[in-house]
Amino acid sequence: MLSVSVGVAMVGLGIIWPLIPVYAVELGAGGTMVGIIIASFNVSKTLFSPFAGRLSDKWGRKNFIVTGLFFYAVISVFYVLPSTAKMLIIIRLFHGLTSVLVVPIAMALAADIAPKPKLGLYMGTLNMAVMFGLGVGPALGGMIRDHFGMDTAFYAMGFLALLTCILVMIFIPSDAKRRGIQEIKKTVSIKKMLTHRVVLGISFMRFFAASGQGAVYTFLPILALQLKLTSSQVGIILTANIFLIAFLQRPCGRLADWINPKFLVIIGTFASGLTVLGMPFVDGFMMILLLNIFMGMANGLSLPGGLVITGQLGRDMGMASLMSITDGAWSLGMIVSPILSGIILDVFGLSYVFIVGSLLIIIGGVVVTFFLRDYKP
C-alpha cells in the first residue's frame, strides 16, 4: 500500500516535470531564470531533508507523510497563480520543502518494517514505484497539456497528491500500532552520521552520480536534435532508460539481500559512467537507445544496493535521518548539474557536457569504492 501511495504521488510530480521549463518561458523567463526555477525545487530539498528526517526519527513516520502530501496538494493549486517567473521560484521552493516529508520518510518506513533478510526486496519494491511514477508522469502530463491546458496538469498533480494523502491516512497503520516503534527512537547526531566512512561514501557517490546523470536527462534532447532524431524517438529513449531502472529494482533489491550490496553500487556506478561517456561518440537512434538501455540497467543495479546499505546503517543511526541525508546529497547534485552543464555547453560544446558528466559519475564510483572497501553488512 505504501508503494502504491508513493507511486501515485510520483505520477503527479512527473506530470509537471517536463512542463515547468515551458511554463517558465511562457511567464517570460530567460535561460538563466529557467535554470534557477528548476534548481529551486532541489535547493529546499537539500537544505531541509536532514532536519525532516531527524524529526521523523523522533516523532514517527505516518503524520509526516500525510502532512507532506496534504501540502503537496495545496502547493499544486498555487502553480496556476503566478504572473511572473519570480513567483514561480517561491512556489518551487515550497514544493521542494513538502517533498522532503514524503519520499525519504516513506523509504524510512519501508526499511523500518522490512525483515532483515528482505531489506533489499522491500526497498527495491518501493523504489520501483517511485521510478514507475516518474516514468509514466511526463507522458501523461504532455497529453493533459495538449488536450486540456497547462492549468489542468497542475490540478491533476494536486488531485493525485490528495488521493495519496487519503490512501495513507486510511491504509497505513499509525506508528504506535505497528511493530518497530522502538527502532524509530534510535538516533545519533547528524555530525556523527556525516563523519561515518560508509555514509560519506554513499553520499559522495549520490552527489557525483546526480551531477553527471542530470546532464544526460537535461541535454539528451539537444544531442538528439544534432543527430536529427524525432521527439517521439527521444521519448522512447528516455522512457526505456527510466523504466529499465524501475523494472530492475525488485530483482536487484533481492540480489542485494543475498550478496554484499557494495558490489552492486560499485559495478553499477562505473557502468553508468562508461555508458554516458559513449553518448557523444555514436550516431543514430539505435545506438543512443542502446546506450540508454545500458545506463538504465546500470542505475537499476546500483540504486537498490545504496538503499540497502543506507537501511542497514539506519537501524542504528536513525532511519529517516540517514535516508534524508543521502536524498539531500542527490538533490545537491541535481542543483549543480544544470548550472555546470550549461557553463560547459557555452564554453566547450555539447560533447563535453556528456564527457564531463561521465567523469563525474566515474569519480563517484572511485570514491564509493574507496570509502566502502571494508564494508560488510
Protein backbone atom coordinates (compact mmCIF):
# COMPACT_ATOMS: atom_id res chain seq x y z
CA MET A 1 0.00 0.00 0.00
CA LEU A 2 2.90 2.31 0.74
CA SER A 3 4.36 1.60 -2.72
CA VAL A 4 1.03 2.32 -4.41
CA SER A 5 0.69 5.58 -2.49
CA VAL A 6 4.20 6.82 -3.28
CA GLY A 7 3.87 5.69 -6.90
CA VAL A 8 0.67 7.71 -7.36
CA ALA A 9 2.32 10.76 -5.79
CA MET A 10 5.31 10.41 -8.16
CA VAL A 11 2.99 10.23 -11.18
CA GLY A 12 1.73 13.64 -10.07
CA LEU A 13 5.26 15.04 -9.80
CA GLY A 14 6.20 13.50 -13.14
CA ILE A 15 3.22 15.17 -14.83
CA ILE A 16 4.75 18.63 -14.40
CA TRP A 17 8.41 17.58 -14.74
CA PRO A 18 8.72 18.37 -18.49
CA LEU A 19 6.20 21.23 -18.33
CA ILE A 20 7.99 23.51 -15.85
CA PRO A 21 10.59 24.84 -18.37
CA VAL A 22 7.81 25.55 -20.89
CA TYR A 23 5.67 27.23 -18.24
CA ALA A 24 8.62 29.35 -17.10
CA VAL A 25 9.26 30.57 -20.64
CA GLU A 26 5.57 31.41 -21.01
CA LEU A 27 5.93 33.59 -17.89
CA GLY A 28 8.83 35.44 -19.51
CA ALA A 29 11.83 33.60 -18.05
CA GLY A 30 15.15 33.57 -19.90
CA GLY A 31 17.63 30.71 -19.91
CA THR A 32 19.24 31.58 -16.58
CA MET A 33 15.88 32.10 -14.87
CA VAL A 34 14.64 28.74 -16.17
CA GLY A 35 17.68 27.09 -14.61
CA ILE A 36 17.05 28.82 -11.28
CA ILE A 37 13.37 27.81 -11.32
CA ILE A 38 14.26 24.16 -11.99
CA ALA A 39 17.01 24.16 -9.36
CA SER A 40 14.93 25.87 -6.65
CA PHE A 41 12.93 22.67 -6.03
CA ASN A 42 16.14 20.83 -5.14
CA VAL A 43 17.56 23.77 -3.15
CA SER A 44 14.89 23.45 -0.48
CA LYS A 45 15.17 19.64 -0.58
CA THR A 46 18.90 19.85 0.09
CA LEU A 47 18.53 22.37 2.91
CA PHE A 48 15.64 20.77 4.78
CA SER A 49 15.99 16.99 4.15
CA PRO A 50 18.27 16.26 7.14
CA PHE A 51 16.03 18.19 9.56
CA ALA A 52 12.83 16.50 8.33
CA GLY A 53 14.42 13.08 8.68
CA ARG A 54 15.70 13.88 12.16
CA LEU A 55 12.26 14.95 13.36
CA SER A 56 10.65 11.88 11.81
CA ASP A 57 13.04 9.60 13.69
CA LYS A 58 11.84 11.22 16.91
CA TRP A 59 8.14 11.69 16.19
CA GLY A 60 7.24 8.88 13.76
CA ARG A 61 6.50 8.39 10.07
CA LYS A 62 2.81 8.47 9.16
CA ASN A 63 1.99 12.01 10.31
CA PHE A 64 4.95 13.40 8.37
CA ILE A 65 3.95 11.63 5.16
CA VAL A 66 0.30 12.72 5.48
CA THR A 67 1.30 16.33 6.21
CA GLY A 68 3.70 16.40 3.27
CA LEU A 69 1.12 15.02 0.85
CA PHE A 70 -1.58 17.41 2.02
CA PHE A 71 0.61 20.49 1.48
CA TYR A 72 1.85 18.92 -1.76
CA ALA A 73 -1.76 19.09 -2.95
CA VAL A 74 -2.18 22.67 -1.71
CA ILE A 75 1.02 23.87 -3.41
CA SER A 76 -0.12 22.29 -6.68
CA VAL A 77 -3.04 24.75 -6.85
CA PHE A 78 -0.66 27.70 -6.39
CA TYR A 79 1.13 26.82 -9.65
CA VAL A 80 -1.74 28.32 -11.66
CA LEU A 81 -1.45 31.72 -9.92
CA PRO A 82 1.95 33.25 -10.88
CA SER A 83 2.02 36.22 -13.19
CA THR A 84 5.84 36.41 -13.19
CA ALA A 85 8.65 33.86 -13.29
CA LYS A 86 9.98 35.06 -9.92
CA MET A 87 6.76 33.98 -8.21
CA LEU A 88 7.30 30.51 -9.66
CA ILE A 89 10.65 30.29 -7.83
CA ILE A 90 8.89 30.77 -4.47
CA ILE A 91 6.31 28.11 -5.30
CA ARG A 92 9.05 25.67 -6.36
CA LEU A 93 10.92 26.28 -3.10
CA PHE A 94 7.83 25.40 -1.05
CA HIS A 95 7.09 22.43 -3.31
CA GLY A 96 10.56 21.06 -2.66
CA LEU A 97 10.04 21.58 1.07
CA THR A 98 6.86 19.48 1.07
CA SER A 99 8.58 16.72 -0.90
CA VAL A 100 11.15 16.10 1.85
CA LEU A 101 8.27 14.93 4.05
CA VAL A 102 7.19 12.24 1.59
CA VAL A 103 9.70 10.02 -0.27
CA PRO A 104 12.62 9.91 2.21
CA ILE A 105 10.21 9.30 5.11
CA ALA A 106 8.35 6.62 3.11
CA MET A 107 11.71 4.96 2.37
CA ALA A 108 12.49 5.02 6.08
CA LEU A 109 9.11 3.45 6.87
CA ALA A 110 9.71 0.68 4.33
CA ALA A 111 13.11 -0.02 5.93
CA ASP A 112 11.51 0.02 9.41
CA ILE A 113 9.03 -2.72 8.56
CA ALA A 114 11.35 -4.84 6.40
CA PRO A 115 12.58 -8.14 7.90
CA LYS A 116 16.38 -8.04 7.92
CA PRO A 117 16.79 -10.78 5.27
CA LYS A 118 14.38 -8.94 2.93
CA LEU A 119 15.52 -5.31 3.27
CA GLY A 120 16.62 -5.15 -0.37
CA LEU A 121 13.33 -6.58 -1.61
CA TYR A 122 11.29 -4.05 0.37
CA MET A 123 13.44 -1.06 -0.64
CA GLY A 124 13.50 -2.21 -4.25
CA THR A 125 9.71 -2.54 -4.31
CA LEU A 126 9.16 0.99 -3.03
CA ASN A 127 11.80 2.49 -5.32
CA MET A 128 10.24 0.64 -8.27
CA ALA A 129 7.01 2.50 -7.56
CA VAL A 130 8.90 5.81 -7.42
CA MET A 131 10.60 5.22 -10.78
CA PHE A 132 7.41 3.95 -12.48
CA GLY A 133 5.60 7.06 -11.30
CA LEU A 134 8.31 9.36 -12.63
CA GLY A 135 8.33 7.41 -15.89
CA VAL A 136 4.57 7.50 -16.50
CA GLY A 137 4.10 11.10 -15.37
CA PRO A 138 5.81 13.02 -18.22
CA ALA A 139 3.86 11.27 -20.98
CA LEU A 140 0.61 11.79 -19.07
CA GLY A 141 1.49 15.45 -18.43
CA GLY A 142 2.12 16.09 -22.11
CA MET A 143 -1.24 14.61 -23.08
CA ILE A 144 -3.09 16.59 -20.39
CA ARG A 145 -1.48 19.86 -21.50
CA ASP A 146 -2.17 19.20 -25.20
CA HIS A 147 -5.86 18.38 -24.64
CA PHE A 148 -6.87 20.36 -21.55
CA GLY A 149 -4.25 23.07 -20.96
CA MET A 150 -1.37 23.75 -18.56
CA ASP A 151 -3.56 24.57 -15.54
CA THR A 152 -5.24 21.16 -15.71
CA ALA A 153 -1.84 19.47 -15.41
CA PHE A 154 -1.21 21.26 -12.11
CA TYR A 155 -4.69 20.40 -10.86
CA ALA A 156 -4.07 16.76 -11.80
CA MET A 157 -0.87 16.76 -9.74
CA GLY A 158 -2.78 18.20 -6.79
CA PHE A 159 -5.60 15.67 -7.12
CA LEU A 160 -3.16 12.75 -7.16
CA ALA A 161 -1.34 14.11 -4.09
CA LEU A 162 -4.65 14.48 -2.24
CA LEU A 163 -5.72 10.98 -3.28
CA THR A 164 -2.41 9.61 -1.99
CA CYS A 165 -2.85 11.51 1.27
CA ILE A 166 -6.25 9.85 1.79
CA LEU A 167 -4.83 6.40 0.95
CA VAL A 168 -2.06 6.80 3.50
CA MET A 169 -4.47 8.06 6.18
CA ILE A 170 -6.78 5.06 5.69
CA PHE A 171 -4.47 2.15 4.98
CA ILE A 172 -1.09 2.85 6.63
CA PRO A 173 -1.12 1.98 10.36
CA SER A 174 -0.14 4.63 12.88
CA ASP A 175 3.36 4.43 14.34
CA ALA A 176 2.01 3.32 17.70
CA LYS A 177 0.16 0.36 16.16
CA ARG A 178 2.98 -1.19 14.17
CA ARG A 179 5.99 -3.11 15.31
CA GLY A 180 9.40 -1.49 15.27
CA ILE A 181 8.46 1.73 17.06
CA GLN A 182 11.45 1.20 19.32
CA GLU A 183 13.77 1.31 16.33
CA ILE A 184 12.43 4.71 15.29
CA LYS A 185 13.68 6.20 18.53
CA LYS A 186 17.31 5.25 17.82
CA THR A 187 19.25 8.24 16.55
CA VAL A 188 22.80 9.54 16.54
CA SER A 189 23.88 13.10 15.84
CA ILE A 190 23.90 14.36 12.25
CA LYS A 191 27.57 15.23 12.74
CA LYS A 192 28.35 11.61 13.58
CA MET A 193 26.44 10.44 10.51
CA LEU A 194 28.30 12.84 8.24
CA THR A 195 31.67 11.67 9.56
CA HIS A 196 30.85 7.95 9.21
CA ARG A 197 33.00 6.41 6.49
CA VAL A 198 30.23 4.46 4.73
CA VAL A 199 27.70 7.32 4.93
CA LEU A 200 30.28 9.64 3.37
CA GLY A 201 30.90 7.14 0.58
CA ILE A 202 27.22 6.72 -0.28
CA SER A 203 26.56 10.48 -0.03
CA PHE A 204 29.51 11.44 -2.26
CA MET A 205 28.55 8.77 -4.77
CA ARG A 206 24.97 10.05 -4.96
CA PHE A 207 26.17 13.64 -5.34
CA PHE A 208 28.58 12.84 -8.19
CA ALA A 209 26.13 10.45 -9.86
CA ALA A 210 23.37 13.09 -9.82
CA SER A 211 25.76 15.74 -11.14
CA GLY A 212 26.67 13.50 -14.09
CA GLN A 213 23.35 11.82 -14.81
CA GLY A 214 21.49 15.13 -14.60
CA ALA A 215 23.47 16.26 -17.63
CA VAL A 216 22.13 13.31 -19.63
CA TYR A 217 18.48 13.89 -18.74
CA THR A 218 18.78 17.65 -19.36
CA PHE A 219 20.82 17.74 -22.57
CA LEU A 220 19.94 14.47 -24.30
CA PRO A 221 17.10 16.21 -26.22
CA ILE A 222 19.65 18.74 -27.54
CA LEU A 223 22.02 15.93 -28.57
CA ALA A 224 19.06 14.26 -30.28
CA LEU A 225 18.44 17.43 -32.30
CA GLN A 226 22.02 17.32 -33.57
CA LEU A 227 21.52 13.68 -34.56
CA LYS A 228 18.22 14.61 -36.27
CA LEU A 229 16.10 12.35 -34.08
CA THR A 230 12.38 12.96 -33.71
CA SER A 231 10.64 13.95 -30.47
CA SER A 232 9.00 10.51 -30.38
CA GLN A 233 12.40 8.84 -30.56
CA VAL A 234 13.69 10.99 -27.71
CA GLY A 235 10.65 9.98 -25.66
CA ILE A 236 11.31 6.30 -26.37
CA ILE A 237 14.95 6.68 -25.33
CA LEU A 238 14.19 8.37 -22.00
CA THR A 239 11.28 6.03 -21.26
CA ALA A 240 13.47 2.98 -21.87
CA ASN A 241 16.11 4.40 -19.52
CA ILE A 242 13.74 5.18 -16.65
CA PHE A 243 11.53 2.10 -17.00
CA LEU A 244 14.52 -0.25 -17.00
CA ILE A 245 15.62 1.29 -13.70
CA ALA A 246 12.12 0.67 -12.36
CA PHE A 247 11.88 -2.94 -13.59
CA LEU A 248 15.23 -3.86 -12.03
CA GLN A 249 14.55 -2.50 -8.55
CA ARG A 250 12.89 -5.63 -7.09
CA PRO A 251 15.23 -8.28 -8.58
CA CYS A 252 18.34 -6.24 -7.81
CA GLY A 253 16.97 -5.48 -4.34
CA ARG A 254 16.60 -9.22 -3.77
CA LEU A 255 20.16 -9.71 -5.07
CA ALA A 256 21.36 -7.10 -2.55
CA ASP A 257 19.88 -9.29 0.20
CA TRP A 258 21.98 -12.27 -0.96
CA ILE A 259 25.39 -10.62 -1.55
CA ASN A 260 27.29 -7.63 -0.20
CA PRO A 261 25.33 -4.67 -1.66
CA LYS A 262 28.50 -2.59 -2.08
CA PHE A 263 29.35 -4.65 -5.19
CA LEU A 264 26.07 -3.60 -6.85
CA VAL A 265 26.77 0.05 -6.05
CA ILE A 266 30.35 -0.03 -7.34
CA ILE A 267 29.68 -2.02 -10.54
CA GLY A 268 26.53 -0.06 -11.37
CA THR A 269 28.16 3.34 -10.85
CA PHE A 270 31.17 2.61 -13.07
CA ALA A 271 28.96 1.04 -15.75
CA SER A 272 26.69 4.10 -15.76
CA GLY A 273 29.67 6.42 -16.19
CA LEU A 274 31.05 4.44 -19.12
CA THR A 275 27.71 4.43 -20.97
CA VAL A 276 27.41 8.22 -20.64
CA LEU A 277 30.96 8.59 -22.00
CA GLY A 278 29.95 6.85 -25.20
CA MET A 279 26.90 9.01 -25.99
CA PRO A 280 28.59 11.90 -27.86
CA PHE A 281 30.64 9.45 -29.98
CA VAL A 282 27.83 7.40 -31.53
CA ASP A 283 25.35 8.20 -34.26
CA GLY A 284 21.76 7.21 -34.94
CA PHE A 285 18.69 6.31 -32.93
CA MET A 286 19.56 2.66 -32.26
CA MET A 287 23.00 3.38 -30.79
CA ILE A 288 21.73 6.14 -28.47
CA LEU A 289 18.83 3.88 -27.44
CA LEU A 290 21.24 1.01 -26.73
CA LEU A 291 23.46 3.21 -24.53
CA ASN A 292 20.42 4.45 -22.59
CA ILE A 293 19.28 0.85 -22.10
CA PHE A 294 22.72 0.05 -20.65
CA MET A 295 22.57 3.19 -18.49
CA GLY A 296 19.14 2.19 -17.16
CA MET A 297 20.44 -1.30 -16.35
CA ALA A 298 23.49 0.14 -14.57
CA ASN A 299 21.41 2.52 -12.46
CA GLY A 300 18.87 -0.23 -11.80
CA LEU A 301 21.73 -2.26 -10.35
CA SER A 302 23.29 0.45 -8.17
CA LEU A 303 20.21 2.10 -6.65
CA PRO A 304 18.92 -0.86 -4.57
CA GLY A 305 22.44 -1.53 -3.28
CA GLY A 306 22.77 2.01 -1.98
CA LEU A 307 19.31 1.90 -0.38
CA VAL A 308 20.08 -1.40 1.36
CA ILE A 309 23.35 -0.06 2.81
CA THR A 310 21.55 3.07 3.99
CA GLY A 311 18.78 0.94 5.52
CA GLN A 312 21.26 -1.32 7.29
CA LEU A 313 23.07 1.63 8.86
CA GLY A 314 19.81 3.44 9.58
CA ARG A 315 18.67 0.77 12.04
CA ASP A 316 21.33 2.01 14.44
CA MET A 317 21.75 5.65 13.40
CA GLY A 318 18.22 6.85 12.63
CA MET A 319 16.49 5.60 9.52
CA ALA A 320 14.80 8.75 8.21
CA SER A 321 17.76 10.96 9.14
CA LEU A 322 20.08 8.82 7.04
CA MET A 323 17.64 8.46 4.15
CA SER A 324 17.20 12.24 4.12
CA ILE A 325 20.94 12.92 4.14
CA THR A 326 21.57 10.70 1.11
CA ASP A 327 18.50 12.17 -0.62
CA GLY A 328 19.88 15.65 0.10
CA ALA A 329 23.21 14.67 -1.49
CA TRP A 330 21.34 13.62 -4.66
CA SER A 331 19.35 16.87 -4.67
CA LEU A 332 22.58 18.89 -4.33
CA GLY A 333 23.96 17.11 -7.36
CA MET A 334 20.81 17.97 -9.31
CA ILE A 335 21.37 21.63 -8.43
CA VAL A 336 24.99 21.56 -9.60
CA SER A 337 24.28 19.58 -12.77
CA PRO A 338 22.25 22.06 -14.89
CA ILE A 339 24.44 25.01 -13.86
CA LEU A 340 27.75 23.22 -14.52
CA SER A 341 26.49 21.62 -17.71
CA GLY A 342 25.22 24.96 -19.02
CA ILE A 343 28.65 26.55 -18.49
CA ILE A 344 30.40 23.61 -20.19
CA LEU A 345 27.98 23.82 -23.12
CA ASP A 346 28.67 27.52 -23.62
CA VAL A 347 32.46 27.24 -23.28
CA PHE A 348 33.40 23.86 -24.76
CA GLY A 349 30.38 22.49 -26.64
CA LEU A 350 27.74 19.80 -26.24
CA SER A 351 30.03 16.75 -26.43
CA TYR A 352 31.94 17.88 -23.36
CA VAL A 353 28.72 18.04 -21.33
CA PHE A 354 28.49 14.24 -21.62
CA ILE A 355 32.25 13.70 -21.24
CA VAL A 356 32.39 15.71 -18.00
CA GLY A 357 29.14 14.10 -16.83
CA SER A 358 30.70 10.69 -17.38
CA LEU A 359 33.84 11.67 -15.46
CA LEU A 360 31.74 12.90 -12.53
CA ILE A 361 29.88 9.57 -12.33
CA ILE A 362 33.18 7.66 -12.53
CA ILE A 363 34.62 9.85 -9.77
CA GLY A 364 31.61 8.82 -7.70
CA GLY A 365 32.50 5.19 -8.44
CA VAL A 366 36.11 5.71 -7.32
CA VAL A 367 35.02 7.48 -4.14
CA VAL A 368 32.44 4.85 -3.15
CA THR A 369 34.94 2.05 -3.85
CA PHE A 370 37.46 3.72 -1.52
CA PHE A 371 35.04 4.50 1.31
CA LEU A 372 33.21 1.15 1.18
CA ARG A 373 36.27 -1.08 0.69
CA ASP A 374 35.91 -2.64 4.16
CA TYR A 375 32.09 -2.56 4.35
CA LYS A 376 30.31 -5.75 5.35
CA PRO A 377 26.56 -5.97 6.07
